[in-house]
Every structure is written in structure tokens, then in C-alpha cells.
Amino acid sequence: MKSKQSAAVEALLKRAKALRALVEGDELQRKRRQNSKKYKLPRVVKAVLRPKKAVIAGTTCYFVGKGQRCVLYFHGGSYVDPPLVFHWRFLQQLTRETGVSALLPLYGRAPQHQCENTVVHVKNVYMKVAERCGVNNLVVMGDSAGGGLALALCEYLARHNLPQPQKLILFSPWVDVDMTGDYSAQSNDLALDEDLLRLFGRAYRGDLPKRHYMASPLFGVTQKLAPMHVFVGDAELFYPDCLALQRAAEKAGAQMTLYVYPEMQHVFLLYPIPEAKTARRQAEEILLQ
């Protein structure tokens, strides 16, 4: 049975989704205007978390925590939105509860940037971080689009015979930007809009063909990948693709463990609900192994 807090969050998600449907105009143009502005840390993040800013391999990044073990974290946002307060809140909890340090890059977002450049740019960041802390102390993590980018990065590393991180931890990863699966059973998803995802996914994929691993890492799984741990709610739109990712991993001989949480919504681990606390503790245990 879902908690009262989870039910309250779902009510907010449902309302937000309904309000988005009322917005008129060119959504990509709106995101273009948004992303043409310099990112500003939310005031509460500045006041409470105080992340340190650095430019690594030409990419603006923020550090949180001081541990030797490092998490390279890619935020979600459909490849078009910047990190939100709940991403920072999650990193605050993660670093406080595990003692690790976390690095969040402001990777290039659509429609101005496409996956072919973004993956290479985050690879350059990854290599610099790996030099600093060592791949055995480096975990790559991400949620939603950031989870897809994290997986695409590791597939790029595998194809170019570059060192993998110790492990991958992904939360509700978006692994097929063209949404080619069957999502008919996922009508209970209260967060994601399938039409908007396809629009943003095409903008991020750019001129690359469908099923190219840089945009849709579901189709680039290889045995060379670091061990993967994937968290997903069975009520969310991406659940079928996470099952497909598990099948692809089995076929390729890659190590993947899938953690399915009943009735949970997209990126539920980042919400202030009891179910998220349980899943986050599970993810933290995996991180520290």
C-alpha cells in the first residue's frame, strides 16, 4: 500500500501534467530561450548546500561533499531542462549519508546541443574525474535523461576501449528517446508526456539515425559495460524500456540488476516519500559496496 506522502505527491504530479497540457506555443522554442540563459543555482541550494563551481574539460560542474569515492551524477530533465531543486536535495542526502563526493556537470541540452557532442563532452569530464579519483573509486549515476546519458557515456567508453567506472546506478533511465516500445499498459504514469518526450528526443538525437546508442543506449549494450543497477517504478512510462534493457543486458552478457518498486512513479527516489527513503538506502548500500 502506498504511503500518504506518495499519494500527495501523485496528486501534485497529476495536476502539473494537466497544466502542461494547457500550455500553448512552440515548446522547443521555449526550451531554446530557457537554455540560452546562464544557469543560476537556486537560492536555497546556494544557502544550504553551497556547491563549489569548477570548469572541467570546458564544462561547468558543481562539487558537493569531500569523500574520496566520487559520484559523477547526470541530472534528468528530458535533455532540455537544467537541474532542479530536488536533484540538489538528493545529492545533499546522498553525500551526507554515504560520505562520498558528488560532481554534477551542466551538460549541453537540446535543442541547442545534440547527443553526439554532449556524450563526447561528458566523456572528457569523466576522464578528468577518473584521473583525479581513479576508476575504482568512481561511480556514474543519473536519473531519467541523465540516466540515459550515463549509460550512453559508458557505452562510448566501451566502444573506444576506455576504462569503465566501478559501477553504474540509474534511476528511471530514459534509454530510448524515440519511444519505440509498447507503453499501452503504462496509463498510470502521472509525470511523463509521451508526445513531448518524442519531440525532445528527436531534438536531442539530431541527425543521427534512430536507435543510435548515443541517444538511445538501450540499443548499444555490450558485455564491456560496468555492472549496472537500475531502479524503476512499475507505474511509470519507462518501465517497459527498463525491462527491455534487462533483456538486452542478458543477451549481451552485461551485468545488470533491476530493482522494481510497485506502483511507484517516475524518479520516485527523488521525492520526499517513505518509499524513496527505502530505495535510496538500497542505492546507497550498492554505492558503498
Protein backbone atom coordinates (compact mmCIF):
# COMPACT_ATOMS: atom_id res chain seq x y z
CA MET A 1 0.00 0.00 0.00
CA LYS A 2 1.31 3.42 -0.96
CA SER A 3 2.09 5.95 1.76
CA LYS A 4 0.02 9.10 2.29
CA GLN A 5 3.02 11.16 1.21
CA SER A 6 3.24 9.21 -2.04
CA ALA A 7 -0.47 9.80 -2.71
CA ALA A 8 0.01 13.53 -2.10
CA VAL A 9 2.98 13.69 -4.49
CA GLU A 10 0.96 11.82 -7.12
CA ALA A 11 -1.83 14.38 -6.81
CA LEU A 12 0.69 17.16 -7.47
CA LEU A 13 2.16 15.29 -10.45
CA LYS A 14 -1.29 14.78 -11.91
CA ARG A 15 -2.12 18.46 -11.58
CA ALA A 16 1.22 19.53 -13.08
CA LYS A 17 0.72 17.21 -16.05
CA ALA A 18 -2.76 18.64 -16.66
CA LEU A 19 -1.41 22.20 -16.51
CA ARG A 20 1.34 21.39 -19.02
CA ALA A 21 -1.30 20.22 -21.47
CA LEU A 22 -2.83 23.73 -21.40
CA VAL A 23 0.40 25.47 -22.40
CA GLU A 24 0.28 26.75 -25.97
CA GLY A 25 3.09 27.62 -28.35
CA ASP A 26 6.33 26.10 -29.60
CA GLU A 27 7.72 24.03 -26.75
CA LEU A 28 11.15 23.64 -28.35
CA GLN A 29 11.42 27.38 -28.86
CA ARG A 30 10.51 27.86 -25.20
CA LYS A 31 13.30 25.49 -24.17
CA ARG A 32 15.71 27.22 -26.55
CA ARG A 33 15.05 30.54 -24.80
CA GLN A 34 15.41 28.91 -21.40
CA ASN A 35 18.72 27.26 -22.27
CA SER A 36 20.18 30.40 -23.84
CA LYS A 37 20.27 31.92 -20.35
CA LYS A 38 23.09 31.26 -17.91
CA TYR A 39 22.18 28.68 -15.28
CA LYS A 40 21.75 30.11 -11.79
CA LEU A 41 21.83 27.98 -8.68
CA PRO A 42 18.52 28.13 -6.79
CA ARG A 43 18.83 30.38 -3.73
CA VAL A 44 18.05 27.58 -1.31
CA VAL A 45 20.81 25.45 -2.87
CA LYS A 46 23.30 28.31 -2.51
CA ALA A 47 22.31 28.88 1.10
CA VAL A 48 22.11 25.28 2.31
CA LEU A 49 24.24 23.06 0.08
CA ARG A 50 26.85 25.60 -1.10
CA PRO A 51 28.22 23.54 -4.01
CA LYS A 52 31.62 24.51 -5.37
CA LYS A 53 31.81 25.52 -9.02
CA ALA A 54 34.57 24.39 -11.38
CA VAL A 55 35.11 24.16 -15.12
CA ILE A 56 36.32 20.69 -16.13
CA ALA A 57 37.25 19.94 -19.73
CA GLY A 58 35.28 23.01 -20.79
CA THR A 59 32.11 22.01 -18.92
CA THR A 60 30.76 23.86 -15.89
CA CYS A 61 30.43 21.45 -12.96
CA TYR A 62 29.43 21.62 -9.30
CA PHE A 63 31.03 19.66 -6.45
CA VAL A 64 29.23 18.51 -3.30
CA GLY A 65 30.89 16.62 -0.43
CA LYS A 66 34.53 15.78 0.30
CA GLY A 67 34.82 11.99 0.20
CA GLN A 68 37.47 10.07 -1.73
CA ARG A 69 34.85 7.97 -3.51
CA CYS A 70 33.27 10.09 -6.21
CA VAL A 71 29.86 10.02 -7.88
CA LEU A 72 29.58 11.57 -11.34
CA TYR A 73 25.89 12.49 -11.41
CA PHE A 74 23.87 13.34 -14.52
CA HIS A 75 20.60 15.11 -13.78
CA GLY A 76 17.33 14.39 -15.55
CA GLY A 77 15.11 16.83 -17.41
CA SER A 78 14.23 15.29 -20.79
CA TYR A 79 17.57 16.57 -22.18
CA VAL A 80 16.07 20.07 -22.28
CA ASP A 81 15.86 21.22 -18.65
CA PRO A 82 18.54 22.19 -16.10
CA PRO A 83 18.91 20.53 -12.69
CA LEU A 84 16.07 21.27 -10.29
CA VAL A 85 15.99 21.71 -6.52
CA PHE A 86 15.06 18.07 -5.95
CA HIS A 87 18.25 16.97 -7.75
CA TRP A 88 20.31 19.06 -5.35
CA ARG A 89 18.32 17.78 -2.39
CA PHE A 90 19.07 14.21 -3.47
CA LEU A 91 22.80 14.93 -3.77
CA GLN A 92 22.78 16.56 -0.35
CA GLN A 93 21.21 13.44 1.16
CA LEU A 94 23.49 11.11 -0.79
CA THR A 95 26.74 12.81 0.21
CA ARG A 96 25.66 13.28 3.82
CA GLU A 97 24.54 9.69 4.29
CA THR A 98 27.43 7.97 2.47
CA GLY A 99 30.39 10.32 2.85
CA VAL A 100 31.07 10.35 -0.90
CA SER A 101 31.70 13.42 -3.02
CA ALA A 102 29.46 14.16 -5.99
CA LEU A 103 30.08 16.06 -9.20
CA LEU A 104 27.18 17.37 -11.29
CA PRO A 105 28.08 18.59 -14.81
CA LEU A 106 25.89 21.09 -16.64
CA TYR A 107 25.93 19.10 -19.87
CA GLY A 108 24.77 20.53 -23.19
CA ARG A 109 21.00 20.36 -23.60
CA ALA A 110 18.66 20.31 -26.59
CA PRO A 111 17.59 21.96 -28.74
CA GLN A 112 20.92 23.83 -28.91
CA HIS A 113 23.00 20.70 -28.28
CA GLN A 114 22.67 17.15 -29.59
CA CYS A 115 23.79 13.84 -28.17
CA GLU A 116 26.78 13.40 -30.48
CA ASN A 117 28.52 16.38 -28.88
CA THR A 118 27.09 16.02 -25.39
CA VAL A 119 28.31 12.44 -24.95
CA VAL A 120 31.83 13.39 -26.05
CA HIS A 121 31.87 16.40 -23.72
CA VAL A 122 30.82 14.36 -20.69
CA LYS A 123 33.39 11.72 -21.68
CA ASN A 124 36.04 14.42 -21.37
CA VAL A 125 34.71 15.34 -17.92
CA TYR A 126 34.66 11.68 -16.92
CA MET A 127 38.29 11.16 -17.95
CA LYS A 128 39.44 14.15 -15.90
CA VAL A 129 37.49 12.96 -12.85
CA ALA A 130 38.84 9.44 -13.32
CA GLU A 131 42.39 10.83 -13.31
CA ARG A 132 41.68 12.53 -10.02
CA CYS A 133 39.94 9.79 -8.05
CA GLY A 134 40.65 6.59 -10.03
CA VAL A 135 38.04 4.48 -11.81
CA ASN A 136 37.84 2.08 -8.86
CA ASN A 137 36.54 4.95 -6.72
CA LEU A 138 34.25 6.39 -9.40
CA VAL A 139 30.55 5.59 -9.74
CA VAL A 140 28.44 7.02 -12.57
CA MET A 141 24.87 7.79 -11.61
CA GLY A 142 21.90 9.52 -13.21
CA ASP A 143 18.14 9.89 -13.28
CA SER A 144 15.76 9.89 -16.26
CA ALA A 145 17.54 11.58 -19.21
CA GLY A 146 20.63 11.76 -17.03
CA GLY A 147 20.40 8.00 -16.56
CA GLY A 148 20.30 7.56 -20.32
CA LEU A 149 23.30 9.87 -20.71
CA ALA A 150 25.21 7.95 -18.03
CA LEU A 151 24.62 4.69 -19.90
CA ALA A 152 25.46 6.23 -23.29
CA LEU A 153 28.71 7.54 -21.79
CA CYS A 154 29.72 4.07 -20.60
CA GLU A 155 28.81 2.57 -23.98
CA TYR A 156 31.04 5.19 -25.62
CA LEU A 157 33.85 4.25 -23.23
CA ALA A 158 33.39 0.57 -24.09
CA ARG A 159 33.49 1.23 -27.85
CA HIS A 160 36.69 3.25 -27.51
CA ASN A 161 38.42 0.86 -25.10
CA LEU A 162 38.46 3.43 -22.30
CA PRO A 163 38.20 2.44 -18.62
CA GLN A 164 34.75 1.88 -17.14
CA PRO A 165 33.68 3.25 -13.75
CA GLN A 166 33.33 0.89 -10.82
CA LYS A 167 29.57 0.70 -11.41
CA LEU A 168 26.53 2.41 -12.90
CA ILE A 169 23.49 3.31 -10.78
CA LEU A 170 20.49 4.52 -12.80
CA PHE A 171 17.12 5.83 -11.63
CA SER A 172 14.24 5.55 -14.12
CA PRO A 173 16.64 5.92 -17.08
CA TRP A 174 15.37 7.16 -20.45
CA VAL A 175 17.07 4.65 -22.74
CA ASP A 176 15.03 5.01 -25.97
CA VAL A 177 14.44 8.64 -26.94
CA ASP A 178 12.23 7.72 -29.90
CA MET A 179 9.91 5.72 -27.62
CA THR A 180 9.68 2.72 -29.94
CA GLY A 181 8.34 0.32 -27.30
CA ASP A 182 4.81 -0.60 -26.24
CA TYR A 183 3.64 1.71 -23.45
CA SER A 184 -0.06 0.90 -23.60
CA ALA A 185 -0.02 -0.63 -20.11
CA GLN A 186 1.54 2.47 -18.52
CA SER A 187 -1.54 4.72 -18.40
CA ASN A 188 -0.97 5.31 -14.67
CA ASP A 189 2.14 7.39 -15.30
CA LEU A 190 1.40 10.83 -13.85
CA ALA A 191 4.68 12.59 -14.67
CA LEU A 192 5.68 11.97 -18.28
CA ASP A 193 4.11 13.14 -21.54
CA GLU A 194 4.81 10.70 -24.37
CA ASP A 195 4.35 13.25 -27.17
CA LEU A 196 6.66 15.79 -25.53
CA LEU A 197 9.27 13.12 -24.90
CA ARG A 198 9.29 12.19 -28.58
CA LEU A 199 9.66 15.86 -29.51
CA PHE A 200 12.55 16.43 -27.12
CA GLY A 201 14.10 13.09 -28.00
CA ARG A 202 14.23 13.94 -31.72
CA ALA A 203 15.78 17.31 -30.93
CA TYR A 204 18.46 15.65 -28.80
CA ARG A 205 19.16 12.85 -31.29
CA GLY A 206 19.71 15.39 -34.08
CA ASP A 207 20.88 13.92 -37.39
CA LEU A 208 21.83 10.53 -36.01
CA PRO A 209 19.63 7.58 -37.02
CA LYS A 210 17.03 6.09 -34.74
CA ARG A 211 18.37 3.52 -32.28
CA HIS A 212 21.79 5.13 -32.23
CA TYR A 213 23.30 4.33 -28.87
CA MET A 214 24.38 7.91 -28.15
CA ALA A 215 20.72 8.94 -27.96
CA SER A 216 19.10 5.59 -27.16
CA PRO A 217 21.56 3.45 -25.18
CA LEU A 218 19.05 0.61 -24.99
CA PHE A 219 20.46 -0.39 -28.39
CA GLY A 220 24.15 -0.18 -27.51
CA VAL A 221 24.52 -2.55 -24.57
CA THR A 222 27.76 -4.51 -24.56
CA GLN A 223 29.47 -7.02 -22.30
CA LYS A 224 32.21 -4.46 -21.61
CA LEU A 225 29.93 -2.24 -19.52
CA ALA A 226 30.45 -1.71 -15.81
CA PRO A 227 27.92 -3.53 -13.57
CA MET A 228 24.55 -1.76 -13.81
CA HIS A 229 21.97 -1.23 -11.07
CA VAL A 230 18.66 0.14 -12.36
CA PHE A 231 15.79 1.42 -10.19
CA VAL A 232 12.33 1.90 -11.69
CA GLY A 233 8.67 2.13 -10.67
CA ASP A 234 6.27 -0.18 -12.46
CA ALA A 235 3.71 2.63 -12.85
CA GLU A 236 6.00 4.81 -14.94
CA LEU A 237 6.23 5.16 -18.70
CA PHE A 238 9.84 3.96 -18.83
CA TYR A 239 9.16 0.66 -17.07
CA PRO A 240 8.81 -1.37 -20.32
CA ASP A 241 12.09 0.06 -21.62
CA CYS A 242 13.86 -0.84 -18.38
CA LEU A 243 12.62 -4.41 -18.84
CA ALA A 244 13.91 -4.28 -22.42
CA LEU A 245 17.25 -3.02 -21.09
CA GLN A 246 17.42 -6.02 -18.78
CA ARG A 247 16.80 -8.35 -21.74
CA ALA A 248 19.45 -6.55 -23.79
CA ALA A 249 21.94 -6.89 -20.93
CA GLU A 250 21.24 -10.60 -20.61
CA LYS A 251 21.69 -11.07 -24.36
CA ALA A 252 24.96 -9.12 -24.40
CA GLY A 253 26.33 -10.77 -21.29
CA ALA A 254 26.41 -7.49 -19.35
CA GLN A 255 25.88 -7.40 -15.58
CA MET A 256 22.61 -5.70 -14.67
CA THR A 257 20.36 -5.84 -11.62
CA LEU A 258 16.86 -4.37 -11.91
CA TYR A 259 15.03 -3.10 -8.82
CA VAL A 260 11.30 -2.69 -9.48
CA TYR A 261 9.16 -0.78 -6.98
CA PRO A 262 5.41 -1.48 -7.27
CA GLU A 263 3.07 1.45 -8.01
CA MET A 264 5.90 3.98 -7.98
CA GLN A 265 6.12 6.92 -10.37
CA HIS A 266 8.99 8.28 -12.46
CA VAL A 267 12.18 9.09 -10.47
CA PHE A 268 10.31 8.38 -7.24
CA LEU A 269 13.64 8.12 -5.38
CA LEU A 270 13.97 11.89 -5.59
CA TYR A 271 10.62 12.61 -3.93
CA PRO A 272 10.06 13.23 -0.18
CA ILE A 273 8.19 9.96 0.39
CA PRO A 274 8.90 6.88 2.58
CA GLU A 275 9.23 4.62 -0.48
CA ALA A 276 12.01 6.86 -1.78
CA LYS A 277 13.88 6.58 1.52
CA THR A 278 13.79 2.78 1.29
CA ALA A 279 15.03 2.77 -2.30
CA ARG A 280 17.65 5.43 -1.60
CA ARG A 281 19.10 3.36 1.24
CA GLN A 282 19.28 0.40 -1.12
CA ALA A 283 21.09 2.53 -3.70
CA GLU A 284 23.47 3.85 -1.03
CA GLU A 285 24.35 0.32 0.05
CA ILE A 286 25.15 -0.55 -3.57
CA LEU A 287 27.20 2.63 -3.92
CA LEU A 288 29.38 1.77 -0.92
CA GLN A 289 29.98 -1.87 -1.86
